[in-house]
N, C-alpha and C. Protein backbone atom coordinates (compact mmCIF):
# COMPACT_ATOMS: atom_id res chain seq x y z
N MET A 1 -97.46 -93.36 15.71
CA MET A 1 -96.48 -93.08 14.70
C MET A 1 -96.65 -91.64 14.25
N SER A 2 -95.54 -90.94 14.16
CA SER A 2 -95.62 -89.53 13.79
C SER A 2 -95.64 -89.37 12.27
N TYR A 3 -96.20 -88.27 11.86
CA TYR A 3 -96.31 -87.96 10.43
C TYR A 3 -95.02 -87.33 9.95
N ILE A 4 -94.55 -87.75 8.79
CA ILE A 4 -93.35 -87.16 8.19
C ILE A 4 -93.77 -86.51 6.88
N LEU A 5 -93.29 -85.33 6.66
CA LEU A 5 -93.58 -84.64 5.41
C LEU A 5 -92.95 -85.41 4.24
N PRO A 6 -93.57 -85.38 3.08
CA PRO A 6 -93.01 -86.08 1.92
C PRO A 6 -91.58 -85.65 1.59
N SER A 7 -91.28 -84.38 1.76
CA SER A 7 -89.91 -83.92 1.47
C SER A 7 -88.91 -84.53 2.46
N GLU A 8 -89.30 -84.65 3.74
CA GLU A 8 -88.43 -85.28 4.73
C GLU A 8 -88.26 -86.76 4.43
N PHE A 9 -89.35 -87.40 4.02
CA PHE A 9 -89.29 -88.82 3.68
C PHE A 9 -88.34 -89.05 2.51
N ALA A 10 -88.44 -88.22 1.49
CA ALA A 10 -87.57 -88.36 0.32
C ALA A 10 -86.11 -88.17 0.73
N THR A 11 -85.85 -87.21 1.59
CA THR A 11 -84.48 -86.97 2.06
C THR A 11 -83.95 -88.17 2.82
N LYS A 12 -84.78 -88.75 3.69
CA LYS A 12 -84.35 -89.92 4.45
C LYS A 12 -84.10 -91.12 3.55
N MET A 13 -84.92 -91.28 2.52
CA MET A 13 -84.73 -92.39 1.59
C MET A 13 -83.43 -92.23 0.80
N VAL A 14 -83.14 -91.01 0.38
CA VAL A 14 -81.90 -90.76 -0.35
C VAL A 14 -80.70 -91.01 0.56
N ASP A 15 -80.79 -90.58 1.81
CA ASP A 15 -79.69 -90.82 2.76
C ASP A 15 -79.49 -92.31 3.01
N ALA A 16 -80.58 -93.06 3.12
CA ALA A 16 -80.47 -94.51 3.32
C ALA A 16 -79.83 -95.17 2.11
N GLY A 17 -80.23 -94.75 0.92
CA GLY A 17 -79.63 -95.30 -0.29
C GLY A 17 -78.16 -94.97 -0.40
N GLU A 18 -77.80 -93.76 -0.02
CA GLU A 18 -76.39 -93.35 -0.07
C GLU A 18 -75.55 -94.17 0.90
N SER A 19 -76.09 -94.45 2.08
CA SER A 19 -75.33 -95.25 3.04
C SER A 19 -75.14 -96.68 2.52
N LYS A 20 -76.10 -97.20 1.76
CA LYS A 20 -75.95 -98.54 1.20
C LYS A 20 -74.95 -98.56 0.05
N ILE A 21 -74.85 -97.46 -0.67
CA ILE A 21 -73.87 -97.40 -1.76
C ILE A 21 -72.46 -97.51 -1.22
N PHE A 22 -72.20 -96.88 -0.09
CA PHE A 22 -70.86 -96.86 0.48
C PHE A 22 -70.61 -98.00 1.46
N MET A 23 -71.51 -98.98 1.52
CA MET A 23 -71.32 -100.14 2.39
C MET A 23 -70.20 -101.01 1.82
N SER A 24 -69.46 -101.66 2.71
CA SER A 24 -68.35 -102.49 2.25
C SER A 24 -68.88 -103.72 1.51
N THR A 25 -68.03 -104.30 0.69
CA THR A 25 -68.39 -105.48 -0.07
C THR A 25 -68.71 -106.65 0.86
N ARG A 26 -67.95 -106.77 1.93
CA ARG A 26 -68.18 -107.84 2.90
C ARG A 26 -69.58 -107.74 3.50
N ASP A 27 -69.96 -106.56 3.93
CA ASP A 27 -71.29 -106.38 4.52
C ASP A 27 -72.40 -106.62 3.50
N THR A 28 -72.17 -106.20 2.27
CA THR A 28 -73.16 -106.43 1.21
C THR A 28 -73.36 -107.93 0.96
N LEU A 29 -72.27 -108.69 0.91
CA LEU A 29 -72.37 -110.13 0.69
C LEU A 29 -73.05 -110.83 1.86
N ILE A 30 -72.73 -110.41 3.08
CA ILE A 30 -73.37 -111.01 4.25
C ILE A 30 -74.88 -110.76 4.21
N ARG A 31 -75.29 -109.53 3.89
CA ARG A 31 -76.72 -109.22 3.80
C ARG A 31 -77.40 -110.01 2.69
N ALA A 32 -76.69 -110.20 1.58
CA ALA A 32 -77.27 -110.96 0.46
C ALA A 32 -77.48 -112.42 0.84
N PHE A 33 -76.50 -113.03 1.51
CA PHE A 33 -76.64 -114.41 1.93
C PHE A 33 -77.75 -114.57 2.97
N MET A 34 -77.85 -113.63 3.89
CA MET A 34 -78.90 -113.70 4.91
C MET A 34 -80.28 -113.54 4.28
N ALA A 35 -80.42 -112.66 3.31
CA ALA A 35 -81.70 -112.48 2.62
C ALA A 35 -82.08 -113.76 1.88
N GLY A 36 -81.11 -114.40 1.26
CA GLY A 36 -81.37 -115.66 0.57
C GLY A 36 -81.79 -116.76 1.54
N ALA A 37 -81.18 -116.78 2.71
CA ALA A 37 -81.54 -117.78 3.72
C ALA A 37 -82.96 -117.56 4.22
N ILE A 38 -83.34 -116.31 4.44
CA ILE A 38 -84.70 -116.00 4.89
C ILE A 38 -85.72 -116.39 3.83
N LEU A 39 -85.41 -116.11 2.58
CA LEU A 39 -86.31 -116.50 1.49
C LEU A 39 -86.44 -118.01 1.39
N ALA A 40 -85.34 -118.73 1.57
CA ALA A 40 -85.38 -120.19 1.52
C ALA A 40 -86.21 -120.76 2.67
N LEU A 41 -86.08 -120.19 3.87
CA LEU A 41 -86.88 -120.65 5.00
C LEU A 41 -88.37 -120.42 4.76
N ALA A 42 -88.71 -119.26 4.22
CA ALA A 42 -90.11 -118.96 3.94
C ALA A 42 -90.66 -119.90 2.87
N ALA A 43 -89.87 -120.18 1.86
CA ALA A 43 -90.31 -121.09 0.81
C ALA A 43 -90.49 -122.51 1.34
N ALA A 44 -89.55 -122.95 2.18
CA ALA A 44 -89.66 -124.29 2.78
C ALA A 44 -90.90 -124.38 3.66
N PHE A 45 -91.19 -123.32 4.41
CA PHE A 45 -92.38 -123.28 5.25
C PHE A 45 -93.64 -123.40 4.39
N ALA A 46 -93.71 -122.62 3.33
CA ALA A 46 -94.90 -122.64 2.47
C ALA A 46 -95.08 -123.98 1.78
N ILE A 47 -94.00 -124.57 1.31
CA ILE A 47 -94.08 -125.86 0.64
C ILE A 47 -94.50 -126.95 1.62
N THR A 48 -93.93 -126.91 2.82
CA THR A 48 -94.28 -127.90 3.84
C THR A 48 -95.77 -127.83 4.19
N VAL A 49 -96.26 -126.64 4.40
CA VAL A 49 -97.68 -126.47 4.73
C VAL A 49 -98.55 -126.93 3.56
N ALA A 50 -98.18 -126.56 2.35
CA ALA A 50 -98.98 -126.94 1.19
C ALA A 50 -99.02 -128.45 1.01
N VAL A 51 -97.90 -129.12 1.18
CA VAL A 51 -97.86 -130.57 0.98
C VAL A 51 -98.59 -131.29 2.12
N GLN A 52 -98.40 -130.82 3.34
CA GLN A 52 -99.03 -131.48 4.49
C GLN A 52 -100.56 -131.35 4.45
N THR A 53 -101.04 -130.19 4.02
CA THR A 53 -102.49 -129.98 4.00
C THR A 53 -103.12 -130.43 2.69
N GLY A 54 -102.35 -130.46 1.61
CA GLY A 54 -102.88 -130.81 0.30
C GLY A 54 -103.57 -129.65 -0.39
N VAL A 55 -103.59 -128.49 0.25
CA VAL A 55 -104.21 -127.29 -0.33
C VAL A 55 -103.08 -126.29 -0.62
N PHE A 56 -102.72 -126.17 -1.88
CA PHE A 56 -101.57 -125.34 -2.23
C PHE A 56 -101.86 -123.85 -2.09
N LEU A 57 -103.12 -123.48 -2.07
CA LEU A 57 -103.46 -122.07 -1.86
C LEU A 57 -103.05 -121.63 -0.45
N ILE A 58 -103.17 -122.51 0.52
CA ILE A 58 -102.75 -122.17 1.88
C ILE A 58 -101.25 -121.89 1.92
N GLY A 59 -100.48 -122.71 1.22
CA GLY A 59 -99.03 -122.47 1.15
C GLY A 59 -98.71 -121.14 0.50
N ALA A 60 -99.46 -120.79 -0.54
CA ALA A 60 -99.24 -119.51 -1.22
C ALA A 60 -99.62 -118.34 -0.32
N ILE A 61 -100.64 -118.51 0.48
CA ILE A 61 -101.05 -117.45 1.39
C ILE A 61 -100.06 -117.31 2.54
N LEU A 62 -99.51 -118.43 3.00
CA LEU A 62 -98.61 -118.40 4.16
C LEU A 62 -97.17 -118.02 3.80
N PHE A 63 -96.81 -118.01 2.54
CA PHE A 63 -95.44 -117.64 2.16
C PHE A 63 -95.05 -116.25 2.66
N PRO A 64 -95.86 -115.22 2.45
CA PRO A 64 -95.48 -113.90 2.97
C PRO A 64 -95.40 -113.87 4.50
N ILE A 65 -96.23 -114.67 5.16
CA ILE A 65 -96.19 -114.71 6.63
C ILE A 65 -94.88 -115.34 7.08
N GLY A 66 -94.48 -116.40 6.43
CA GLY A 66 -93.19 -117.03 6.76
C GLY A 66 -92.03 -116.12 6.48
N SER A 67 -92.14 -115.35 5.43
CA SER A 67 -91.09 -114.39 5.09
C SER A 67 -91.01 -113.28 6.14
N ALA A 68 -92.15 -112.81 6.61
CA ALA A 68 -92.17 -111.74 7.60
C ALA A 68 -91.72 -112.25 8.96
N CYS A 69 -92.04 -113.49 9.30
CA CYS A 69 -91.65 -114.02 10.61
C CYS A 69 -90.16 -114.26 10.71
N CYS A 70 -89.52 -114.52 9.62
CA CYS A 70 -88.08 -114.79 9.64
C CYS A 70 -87.25 -113.52 9.74
N THR A 71 -87.84 -112.38 9.50
CA THR A 71 -87.05 -111.15 9.52
C THR A 71 -87.02 -110.49 10.84
């Protein structure tokens, strides 16, 4: 991975934010629904693991993993 100067990083972040501001309403709603679906899948995964094992800490630890795997 190459190194990016902080000033370049800030410029890229501002450009990314600007592109999201001008995104259509349809695309914004689609992304919002998809994000909600991914969160629901991760939560269902964590709850299932916690209930099946009886150790709720495992479910709490696996929630971020389920969230990352769905993306």
